[in-house]
C-alpha cells in the first residue's frame, strides 16, 4: 500500500471534533487545521455564537460550517482549552 507523509499504514490521525484528517495536537486535542483555526479565531474574538437549531447539531467534516455554536461547544467538550495557545508565539 501507499504511504502518506511517511506515516505507517493505519496510523492516520482523525480530528476529534469533526472527523477530518488531523494534523496534530492543537489546544491539547488532536484536530484538523480547520478546527484549529476555527477555535483560535473563536476564542480570540470572544464572540458568542447562537445555534439556530436545537443545540445538538452533528459536527462532521461536511457539516462543520453549518453551526458555529455547536462546533465551538464540541471543541470545548472534547477538551480544547484556550489557555494553551501552543505555537502561537505567546512567550514574552
PDB file of N, CA and C in Angstrom:
ATOM      1  N   UNK A   1       0.822  -1.208   0.000  1.00  0.00           N
ATOM      2  CA  UNK A   1       0.000   0.000   0.000  1.00  0.00           C
ATOM      3  C   UNK A   1       0.845   1.243   0.000  1.00  0.00           C
ATOM      4  N   UNK A   2       0.213   2.338  -0.355  1.00  0.00           N
ATOM      5  CA  UNK A   2       0.923   3.613  -0.392  1.00  0.00           C
ATOM      6  C   UNK A   2       0.939   4.262   0.984  1.00  0.00           C
ATOM      7  N   UNK A   3       1.944   5.074   1.207  1.00  0.00           N
ATOM      8  CA  UNK A   3       2.069   5.771   2.487  1.00  0.00           C
ATOM      9  C   UNK A   3       1.951   7.273   2.252  1.00  0.00           C
ATOM     10  N   UNK A   4       1.228   7.948   3.137  1.00  0.00           N
ATOM     11  CA  UNK A   4       1.106   9.399   3.053  1.00  0.00           C
ATOM     12  C   UNK A   4       1.947  10.040   4.143  1.00  0.00           C
ATOM     13  N   UNK A   5       2.697  11.067   3.781  1.00  0.00           N
ATOM     14  CA  UNK A   5       3.515  11.809   4.740  1.00  0.00           C
ATOM     15  C   UNK A   5       4.448  10.916   5.542  1.00  0.00           C
ATOM     16  N   UNK A   6       4.824   9.744   5.000  1.00  0.00           N
ATOM     17  CA  UNK A   6       5.759   8.874   5.678  1.00  0.00           C
ATOM     18  C   UNK A   6       5.192   8.161   6.888  1.00  0.00           C
ATOM     19  N   UNK A   7       3.871   8.209   7.078  1.00  0.00           N
ATOM     20  CA  UNK A   7       3.274   7.530   8.230  1.00  0.00           C
ATOM     21  C   UNK A   7       2.943   6.089   7.869  1.00  0.00           C
ATOM     22  N   UNK A   8       3.154   5.172   8.800  1.00  0.00           N
ATOM     23  CA  UNK A   8       2.823   3.773   8.545  1.00  0.00           C
ATOM     24  C   UNK A   8       1.332   3.599   8.285  1.00  0.00           C
ATOM     25  N   UNK A   9       0.997   2.578   7.526  1.00  0.00           N
ATOM     26  CA  UNK A   9      -0.402   2.317   7.209  1.00  0.00           C
ATOM     27  C   UNK A   9      -1.200   2.096   8.495  1.00  0.00           C
ATOM     28  N   UNK A  10      -2.407   2.675   8.543  1.00  0.00           N
ATOM     29  CA  UNK A  10      -3.254   2.520   9.710  1.00  0.00           C
ATOM     30  C   UNK A  10      -2.968   3.524  10.806  1.00  0.00           C
ATOM     31  N   UNK A  11      -2.060   4.459  10.555  1.00  0.00           N
ATOM     32  CA  UNK A  11      -1.701   5.448  11.570  1.00  0.00           C
ATOM     33  C   UNK A  11      -2.319   6.815  11.289  1.00  0.00           C
ATOM     34  N   UNK A  12      -3.310   6.872  10.384  1.00  0.00           N
ATOM     35  CA  UNK A  12      -3.911   8.165  10.061  1.00  0.00           C
ATOM     36  C   UNK A  12      -4.620   8.738  11.279  1.00  0.00           C
ATOM     37  N   UNK A  13      -4.357   9.996  11.549  1.00  0.00           N
ATOM     38  CA  UNK A  13      -4.949  10.653  12.712  1.00  0.00           C
ATOM     39  C   UNK A  13      -6.277  11.296  12.313  1.00  0.00           C
ATOM     40  N   UNK A  14      -7.245  11.243  13.213  1.00  0.00           N
ATOM     41  CA  UNK A  14      -8.578  11.764  12.949  1.00  0.00           C
ATOM     42  C   UNK A  14      -8.889  12.924  13.885  1.00  0.00           C
ATOM     43  N   UNK A  15      -9.451  13.994  13.332  1.00  0.00           N
ATOM     44  CA  UNK A  15      -9.841  15.148  14.138  1.00  0.00           C
ATOM     45  C   UNK A  15     -10.926  14.740  15.131  1.00  0.00           C
ATOM     46  N   UNK A  16     -10.686  15.024  16.401  1.00  0.00           N
ATOM     47  CA  UNK A  16     -11.625  14.662  17.457  1.00  0.00           C
ATOM     48  C   UNK A  16     -12.932  15.438  17.336  1.00  0.00           C
ATOM     49  N   UNK A  17     -12.886  16.604  16.708  1.00  0.00           N
ATOM     50  CA  UNK A  17     -14.078  17.447  16.608  1.00  0.00           C
ATOM     51  C   UNK A  17     -14.963  17.048  15.427  1.00  0.00           C
ATOM     52  N   UNK A  18     -14.372  16.993  14.212  1.00  0.00           N
ATOM     53  CA  UNK A  18     -15.210  16.788  13.024  1.00  0.00           C
ATOM     54  C   UNK A  18     -14.949  15.494  12.264  1.00  0.00           C
ATOM     55  N   UNK A  19     -13.895  14.765  12.619  1.00  0.00           N
ATOM     56  CA  UNK A  19     -13.615  13.505  11.936  1.00  0.00           C
ATOM     57  C   UNK A  19     -12.769  13.631  10.683  1.00  0.00           C
ATOM     58  N   UNK A  20     -12.353  14.838  10.331  1.00  0.00           N
ATOM     59  CA  UNK A  20     -11.483  15.053   9.179  1.00  0.00           C
ATOM     60  C   UNK A  20     -10.083  14.532   9.525  1.00  0.00           C
ATOM     61  N   UNK A  21      -9.173  14.561   8.570  1.00  0.00           N
ATOM     62  CA  UNK A  21      -7.804  14.116   8.814  1.00  0.00           C
ATOM     63  C   UNK A  21      -7.093  15.143   9.692  1.00  0.00           C
ATOM     64  N   UNK A  22      -6.628  14.716  10.839  1.00  0.00           N
ATOM     65  CA  UNK A  22      -5.981  15.620  11.789  1.00  0.00           C
ATOM     66  C   UNK A  22      -4.523  15.845  11.424  1.00  0.00           C
ATOM     67  N   UNK A  23      -4.007  17.000  11.838  1.00  0.00           N
ATOM     68  CA  UNK A  23      -2.613  17.333  11.562  1.00  0.00           C
ATOM     69  C   UNK A  23      -1.753  17.302  12.813  1.00  0.00           C
ATOM     70  N   UNK A  24      -2.377  17.110  13.965  1.00  0.00           N
ATOM     71  CA  UNK A  24      -1.615  17.052  15.205  1.00  0.00           C
ATOM     72  C   UNK A  24      -2.425  17.583  16.367  1.00  0.00           C
ATOM     73  N   UNK A  25      -1.742  17.746  17.499  1.00  0.00           N
ATOM     74  CA  UNK A  25      -2.416  18.253  18.696  1.00  0.00           C
ATOM     75  C   UNK A  25      -2.422  19.777  18.680  1.00  0.00           C
ATOM     76  N   UNK A  26      -3.612  20.342  18.794  1.00  0.00           N
ATOM     77  CA  UNK A  26      -3.782  21.789  18.852  1.00  0.00           C
ATOM     78  C   UNK A  26      -4.686  22.087  20.039  1.00  0.00           C
ATOM     79  N   UNK A  27      -4.247  22.968  20.932  1.00  0.00           N
ATOM     80  CA  UNK A  27      -5.030  23.295  22.133  1.00  0.00           C
ATOM     81  C   UNK A  27      -5.345  22.037  22.943  1.00  0.00           C
ATOM     82  N   UNK A  28      -4.385  21.121  23.007  1.00  0.00           N
ATOM     83  CA  UNK A  28      -4.456  19.869  23.776  1.00  0.00           C
ATOM     84  C   UNK A  28      -5.278  18.755  23.129  1.00  0.00           C
ATOM     85  N   UNK A  29      -5.792  18.950  21.921  1.00  0.00           N
ATOM     86  CA  UNK A  29      -6.654  17.942  21.305  1.00  0.00           C
ATOM     87  C   UNK A  29      -6.204  17.680  19.870  1.00  0.00           C
ATOM     88  N   UNK A  30      -6.290  16.411  19.430  1.00  0.00           N
ATOM     89  CA  UNK A  30      -5.961  16.043  18.060  1.00  0.00           C
ATOM     90  C   UNK A  30      -7.031  16.616  17.127  1.00  0.00           C
ATOM     91  N   UNK A  31      -6.638  17.598  16.286  1.00  0.00           N
ATOM     92  CA  UNK A  31      -7.605  18.232  15.388  1.00  0.00           C
ATOM     93  C   UNK A  31      -7.027  18.470  14.001  1.00  0.00           C
ATOM     94  N   UNK A  32      -7.924  18.820  13.084  1.00  0.00           N
ATOM     95  CA  UNK A  32      -7.524  19.204  11.733  1.00  0.00           C
ATOM     96  C   UNK A  32      -7.193  20.701  11.734  1.00  0.00           C
ATOM     97  N   UNK A  33      -6.637  21.177  10.633  1.00  0.00           N
ATOM     98  CA  UNK A  33      -6.292  22.596  10.536  1.00  0.00           C
ATOM     99  C   UNK A  33      -7.540  23.472  10.604  1.00  0.00           C
ATOM    100  N   UNK A  34      -8.647  22.996  10.031  1.00  0.00           N
ATOM    101  CA  UNK A  34      -9.889  23.771  10.025  1.00  0.00           C
ATOM    102  C   UNK A  34     -10.416  24.032  11.418  1.00  0.00           C
ATOM    103  N   UNK A  35     -10.477  22.988  12.240  1.00  0.00           N
ATOM    104  CA  UNK A  35     -10.991  23.148  13.604  1.00  0.00           C
ATOM    105  C   UNK A  35     -10.009  23.921  14.474  1.00  0.00           C
ATOM    106  N   UNK A  36      -8.710  23.751  14.218  1.00  0.00           N
ATOM    107  CA  UNK A  36      -7.708  24.525  14.960  1.00  0.00           C
ATOM    108  C   UNK A  36      -7.920  26.016  14.706  1.00  0.00           C
ATOM    109  N   UNK A  37      -8.051  26.381  13.443  1.00  0.00           N
ATOM    110  CA  UNK A  37      -8.236  27.785  13.088  1.00  0.00           C
ATOM    111  C   UNK A  37      -9.555  28.341  13.589  1.00  0.00           C
ATOM    112  N   UNK A  38     -10.609  27.539  13.471  1.00  0.00           N
ATOM    113  CA  UNK A  38     -11.924  27.962  13.950  1.00  0.00           C
ATOM    114  C   UNK A  38     -11.880  28.250  15.444  1.00  0.00           C
ATOM    115  N   UNK A  39     -11.273  27.339  16.209  1.00  0.00           N
ATOM    116  CA  UNK A  39     -11.202  27.513  17.661  1.00  0.00           C
ATOM    117  C   UNK A  39     -10.366  28.742  18.018  1.00  0.00           C
ATOM    118  N   UNK A  40      -9.224  28.898  17.344  1.00  0.00           N
ATOM    119  CA  UNK A  40      -8.349  30.037  17.616  1.00  0.00           C
ATOM    120  C   UNK A  40      -9.071  31.359  17.325  1.00  0.00           C
ATOM    121  N   UNK A  41      -9.757  31.432  16.192  1.00  0.00           N
ATOM    122  CA  UNK A  41     -10.491  32.658  15.848  1.00  0.00           C
ATOM    123  C   UNK A  41     -11.637  32.908  16.818  1.00  0.00           C
ATOM    124  N   UNK A  42     -12.327  31.840  17.201  1.00  0.00           N
ATOM    125  CA  UNK A  42     -13.480  31.979  18.096  1.00  0.00           C
ATOM    126  C   UNK A  42     -13.079  32.527  19.458  1.00  0.00           C
ATOM    127  N   UNK A  43     -11.970  32.016  20.003  1.00  0.00           N
ATOM    128  CA  UNK A  43     -11.575  32.464  21.342  1.00  0.00           C
ATOM    129  C   UNK A  43     -10.892  33.820  21.308  1.00  0.00           C
ATOM    130  N   UNK A  44     -10.241  34.163  20.189  1.00  0.00           N
ATOM    131  CA  UNK A  44      -9.569  35.459  20.131  1.00  0.00           C
ATOM    132  C   UNK A  44     -10.581  36.589  19.967  1.00  0.00           C
ATOM    133  N   UNK A  45     -11.664  36.321  19.256  1.00  0.00           N
ATOM    134  CA  UNK A  45     -12.704  37.330  19.063  1.00  0.00           C
ATOM    135  C   UNK A  45     -13.636  37.410  20.264  1.00  0.00           C
ATOM    136  N   UNK A  46     -13.758  36.309  20.987  1.00  0.00           N
ATOM    137  CA  UNK A  46     -14.658  36.275  22.124  1.00  0.00           C
ATOM    138  C   UNK A  46     -16.117  36.398  21.717  1.00  0.00           C
ATOM    139  N   UNK A  47     -16.417  35.907  20.521  1.00  0.00           N
ATOM    140  CA  UNK A  47     -17.784  36.026  20.015  1.00  0.00           C
ATOM    141  C   UNK A  47     -18.710  34.992  20.643  1.00  0.00           C
ATOM    142  N   UNK A  48     -19.966  35.347  20.732  1.00  0.00           N
ATOM    143  CA  UNK A  48     -20.962  34.417  21.254  1.00  0.00           C
ATOM    144  C   UNK A  48     -21.809  33.896  20.111  1.00  0.00           C
ATOM    145  N   UNK A  49     -21.695  32.619  19.810  1.00  0.00           N
ATOM    146  CA  UNK A  49     -22.483  32.025  18.737  1.00  0.00           C
ATOM    147  C   UNK A  49     -23.812  31.529  19.290  1.00  0.00           C
ATOM    148  N   UNK A  50     -24.839  31.560  18.450  1.00  0.00           N
ATOM    149  CA  UNK A  50     -26.142  31.041  18.846  1.00  0.00           C
ATOM    150  C   UNK A  50     -26.565  29.978  17.848  1.00  0.00           C
ATOM    151  N   UNK A  51     -26.945  28.816  18.348  1.00  0.00           N
ATOM    152  CA  UNK A  51     -27.398  27.728  17.483  1.00  0.00           C
ATOM    153  C   UNK A  51     -28.810  28.039  16.987  1.00  0.00           C
ATOM    154  N   UNK A  52     -29.010  28.032  15.656  1.00  0.00           N
ATOM    155  CA  UNK A  52     -30.344  28.298  15.111  1.00  0.00           C
ATOM    156  C   UNK A  52     -31.250  27.069  15.161  1.00  0.00           C
ATOM    157  N   UNK A  53     -30.713  25.968  15.642  1.00  0.00           N
ATOM    158  CA  UNK A  53     -31.473  24.721  15.664  1.00  0.00           C
ATOM    159  C   UNK A  53     -31.746  24.269  17.099  1.00  0.00           C
ATOM    160  N   UNK A  54     -31.353  23.057  17.448  1.00  0.00           N
ATOM    161  CA  UNK A  54     -31.700  22.500  18.761  1.00  0.00           C
ATOM    162  C   UNK A  54     -30.507  22.359  19.703  1.00  0.00           C
ATOM    163  N   UNK A  55     -29.420  23.045  19.415  1.00  0.00           N
ATOM    164  CA  UNK A  55     -28.194  22.979  20.231  1.00  0.00           C
ATOM    165  C   UNK A  55     -27.642  21.559  20.314  1.00  0.00           C
ATOM    166  N   UNK A  56     -27.911  20.765  19.296  1.00  0.00           N
ATOM    167  CA  UNK A  56     -27.439  19.382  19.279  1.00  0.00           C
ATOM    168  C   UNK A  56     -27.018  18.995  17.864  1.00  0.00           C
ATOM    169  N   UNK A  57     -26.404  19.936  17.146  1.00  0.00           N
ATOM    170  CA  UNK A  57     -26.011  19.683  15.758  1.00  0.00           C
ATOM    171  C   UNK A  57     -24.866  18.670  15.690  1.00  0.00           C
ATOM    172  N   UNK A  58     -24.911  17.812  14.689  1.00  0.00           N
ATOM    173  CA  UNK A  58     -23.844  16.842  14.469  1.00  0.00           C
ATOM    174  C   UNK A  58     -22.715  17.542  13.721  1.00  0.00           C
ATOM    175  N   UNK A  59     -21.517  17.480  14.281  1.00  0.00           N
ATOM    176  CA  UNK A  59     -20.369  18.141  13.663  1.00  0.00           C
ATOM    177  C   UNK A  59     -19.544  17.106  12.903  1.00  0.00           C
ATOM    178  N   UNK A  60     -19.556  17.228  11.572  1.00  0.00           N
ATOM    179  CA  UNK A  60     -18.767  16.349  10.710  1.00  0.00           C
ATOM    180  C   UNK A  60     -17.960  17.228   9.756  1.00  0.00           C
ATOM    181  N   UNK A  61     -17.094  16.605   8.980  1.00  0.00           N
ATOM    182  CA  UNK A  61     -16.299  17.362   8.016  1.00  0.00           C
ATOM    183  C   UNK A  61     -17.215  18.127   7.064  1.00  0.00           C
ATOM    184  N   UNK A  62     -18.284  17.480   6.616  1.00  0.00           N
ATOM    185  CA  UNK A  62     -19.199  18.099   5.660  1.00  0.00           C
ATOM    186  C   UNK A  62     -20.091  19.170   6.291  1.00  0.00           C
ATOM    187  N   UNK A  63     -20.452  18.976   7.557  1.00  0.00           N
ATOM    188  CA  UNK A  63     -21.419  19.872   8.199  1.00  0.00           C
ATOM    189  C   UNK A  63     -20.820  20.841   9.216  1.00  0.00           C
ATOM    190  N   UNK A  64     -19.499  20.820   9.384  1.00  0.00           N
ATOM    191  CA  UNK A  64     -18.899  21.606  10.466  1.00  0.00           C
ATOM    192  C   UNK A  64     -19.094  23.118  10.320  1.00  0.00           C
ATOM    193  N   UNK A  65     -19.370  23.582   9.102  1.00  0.00           N
ATOM    194  CA  UNK A  65     -19.563  25.021   8.908  1.00  0.00           C
ATOM    195  C   UNK A  65     -21.013  25.459   9.091  1.00  0.00           C
ATOM    196  N   UNK A  66     -21.925  24.524   9.286  1.00  0.00           N
ATOM    197  CA  UNK A  66     -23.343  24.863   9.368  1.00  0.00           C
ATOM    198  C   UNK A  66     -23.742  25.497  10.691  1.00  0.00           C
ATOM    199  N   UNK A  67     -23.084  25.128  11.780  1.00  0.00           N
ATOM    200  CA  UNK A  67     -23.444  25.692  13.075  1.00  0.00           C
ATOM    201  C   UNK A  67     -22.194  25.962  13.908  1.00  0.00           C
ATOM    202  N   UNK A  68     -21.815  27.236  13.981  1.00  0.00           N
ATOM    203  CA  UNK A  68     -20.605  27.603  14.723  1.00  0.00           C
ATOM    204  C   UNK A  68     -20.775  27.396  16.221  1.00  0.00           C
ATOM    205  N   UNK A  69     -21.994  27.601  16.716  1.00  0.00           N
ATOM    206  CA  UNK A  69     -22.239  27.437  18.154  1.00  0.00           C
ATOM    207  C   UNK A  69     -21.970  26.005  18.590  1.00  0.00           C
ATOM    208  N   UNK A  70     -22.527  25.046  17.870  1.00  0.00           N
ATOM    209  CA  UNK A  70     -22.338  23.639  18.241  1.00  0.00           C
ATOM    210  C   UNK A  70     -20.913  23.175  17.959  1.00  0.00           C
ATOM    211  N   UNK A  71     -20.280  23.734  16.927  1.00  0.00           N
ATOM    212  CA  UNK A  71     -18.887  23.369  16.644  1.00  0.00           C
ATOM    213  C   UNK A  71     -17.986  23.828  17.786  1.00  0.00           C
ATOM    214  N   UNK A  72     -18.192  25.052  18.249  1.00  0.00           N
ATOM    215  CA  UNK A  72     -17.387  25.550  19.358  1.00  0.00           C
ATOM    216  C   UNK A  72     -17.675  24.747  20.622  1.00  0.00           C
ATOM    217  N   UNK A  73     -18.938  24.411  20.839  1.00  0.00           N
ATOM    218  CA  UNK A  73     -19.305  23.625  22.014  1.00  0.00           C
ATOM    219  C   UNK A  73     -18.614  22.263  21.980  1.00  0.00           C
ATOM    220  N   UNK A  74     -18.537  21.662  20.778  1.00  0.00           N
ATOM    221  CA  UNK A  74     -17.881  20.361  20.669  1.00  0.00           C
ATOM    222  C   UNK A  74     -16.374  20.498  20.890  1.00  0.00           C
ATOM    223  N   UNK A  75     -15.790  21.583  20.386  1.00  0.00           N
ATOM    224  CA  UNK A  75     -14.362  21.834  20.628  1.00  0.00           C
ATOM    225  C   UNK A  75     -14.088  21.824  22.126  1.00  0.00           C
ATOM    226  N   UNK A  76     -14.919  22.523  22.881  1.00  0.00           N
ATOM    227  CA  UNK A  76     -14.741  22.597  24.327  1.00  0.00           C
ATOM    228  C   UNK A  76     -15.039  21.255  24.986  1.00  0.00           C
ATOM    229  N   UNK A  77     -16.062  20.560  24.482  1.00  0.00           N
ATOM    230  CA  UNK A  77     -16.470  19.281  25.071  1.00  0.00           C
ATOM    231  C   UNK A  77     -15.393  18.205  24.939  1.00  0.00           C
ATOM    232  N   UNK A  78     -14.635  18.236  23.839  1.00  0.00           N
ATOM    233  CA  UNK A  78     -13.596  17.222  23.649  1.00  0.00           C
ATOM    234  C   UNK A  78     -12.281  17.612  24.314  1.00  0.00           C
ATOM    235  N   UNK A  79     -12.250  18.788  24.951  1.00  0.00           N
ATOM    236  CA  UNK A  79     -11.076  19.151  25.737  1.00  0.00           C
ATOM    237  C   UNK A  79     -10.196  20.259  25.206  1.00  0.00           C
ATOM    238  N   UNK A  80     -10.596  20.929  24.122  1.00  0.00           N
ATOM    239  CA  UNK A  80      -9.783  22.039  23.629  1.00  0.00           C
ATOM    240  C   UNK A  80      -9.807  23.147  24.679  1.00  0.00           C
ATOM    241  N   UNK A  81      -8.616  23.709  24.951  1.00  0.00           N
ATOM    242  CA  UNK A  81      -8.525  24.720  26.003  1.00  0.00           C
ATOM    243  C   UNK A  81      -7.861  25.980  25.472  1.00  0.00           C
ATOM    244  N   UNK A  82      -8.505  27.100  25.714  1.00  0.00           N
ATOM    245  CA  UNK A  82      -7.981  28.372  25.223  1.00  0.00           C
ATOM    246  C   UNK A  82      -6.745  28.838  25.969  1.00  0.00           C
ATOM    247  N   UNK A  83      -6.447  28.196  27.096  1.00  0.00           N
ATOM    248  CA  UNK A  83      -5.273  28.595  27.870  1.00  0.00           C
ATOM    249  C   UNK A  83      -3.980  28.013  27.319  1.00  0.00           C
ATOM    250  N   UNK A  84      -4.078  27.243  26.244  1.00  0.00           N
ATOM    251  CA  UNK A  84      -2.873  26.602  25.707  1.00  0.00           C
ATOM    252  C   UNK A  84      -2.684  26.968  24.248  1.00  0.00           C
ATOM    253  N   UNK A  85      -2.278  28.187  24.002  1.00  0.00           N
ATOM    254  CA  UNK A  85      -2.063  28.646  22.634  1.00  0.00           C
ATOM    255  C   UNK A  85      -0.699  28.169  22.160  1.00  0.00           C
ATOM    256  N   UNK A  86      -0.578  26.885  21.939  1.00  0.00           N
ATOM    257  CA  UNK A  86       0.691  26.288  21.540  1.00  0.00           C
ATOM    258  C   UNK A  86       1.093  26.758  20.147  1.00  0.00           C
ATOM    259  N   UNK A  87       2.320  27.175  20.019  1.00  0.00           N
ATOM    260  CA  UNK A  87       2.840  27.545  18.713  1.00  0.00           C
ATOM    261  C   UNK A  87       2.350  28.882  18.199  1.00  0.00           C
ATOM    262  N   UNK A  88       1.758  29.708  19.056  1.00  0.00           N
ATOM    263  CA  UNK A  88       1.265  30.995  18.596  1.00  0.00           C
ATOM    264  C   UNK A  88       2.143  32.149  19.070  1.00  0.00           C
ATOM    265  N   UNK A  89       3.342  31.833  19.515  1.00  0.00           N
ATOM    266  CA  UNK A  89       4.273  32.870  19.929  1.00  0.00           C
ATOM    267  C   UNK A  89       3.816  33.635  21.159  1.00  0.00           C
ATOM    268  N   UNK A  90       3.302  32.948  22.152  1.00  0.00           N
ATOM    269  CA  UNK A  90       2.784  33.625  23.339  1.00  0.00           C
ATOM    270  C   UNK A  90       3.869  33.929  24.378  1.00  0.00           C
ATOM    271  N   UNK A  91       5.094  33.588  24.083  1.00  0.00           N
ATOM    272  CA  UNK A  91       6.186  33.870  25.016  1.00  0.00           C
ATOM    273  C   UNK A  91       6.527  35.356  24.990  1.00  0.00           C
ATOM    274  N   UNK A  92       6.893  35.927  26.122  1.00  0.00           N
ATOM    275  CA  UNK A  92       7.212  37.366  26.186  1.00  0.00           C
ATOM    276  C   UNK A  92       8.477  37.709  25.423  1.00  0.00           C
TER     277      UNK A  92
END
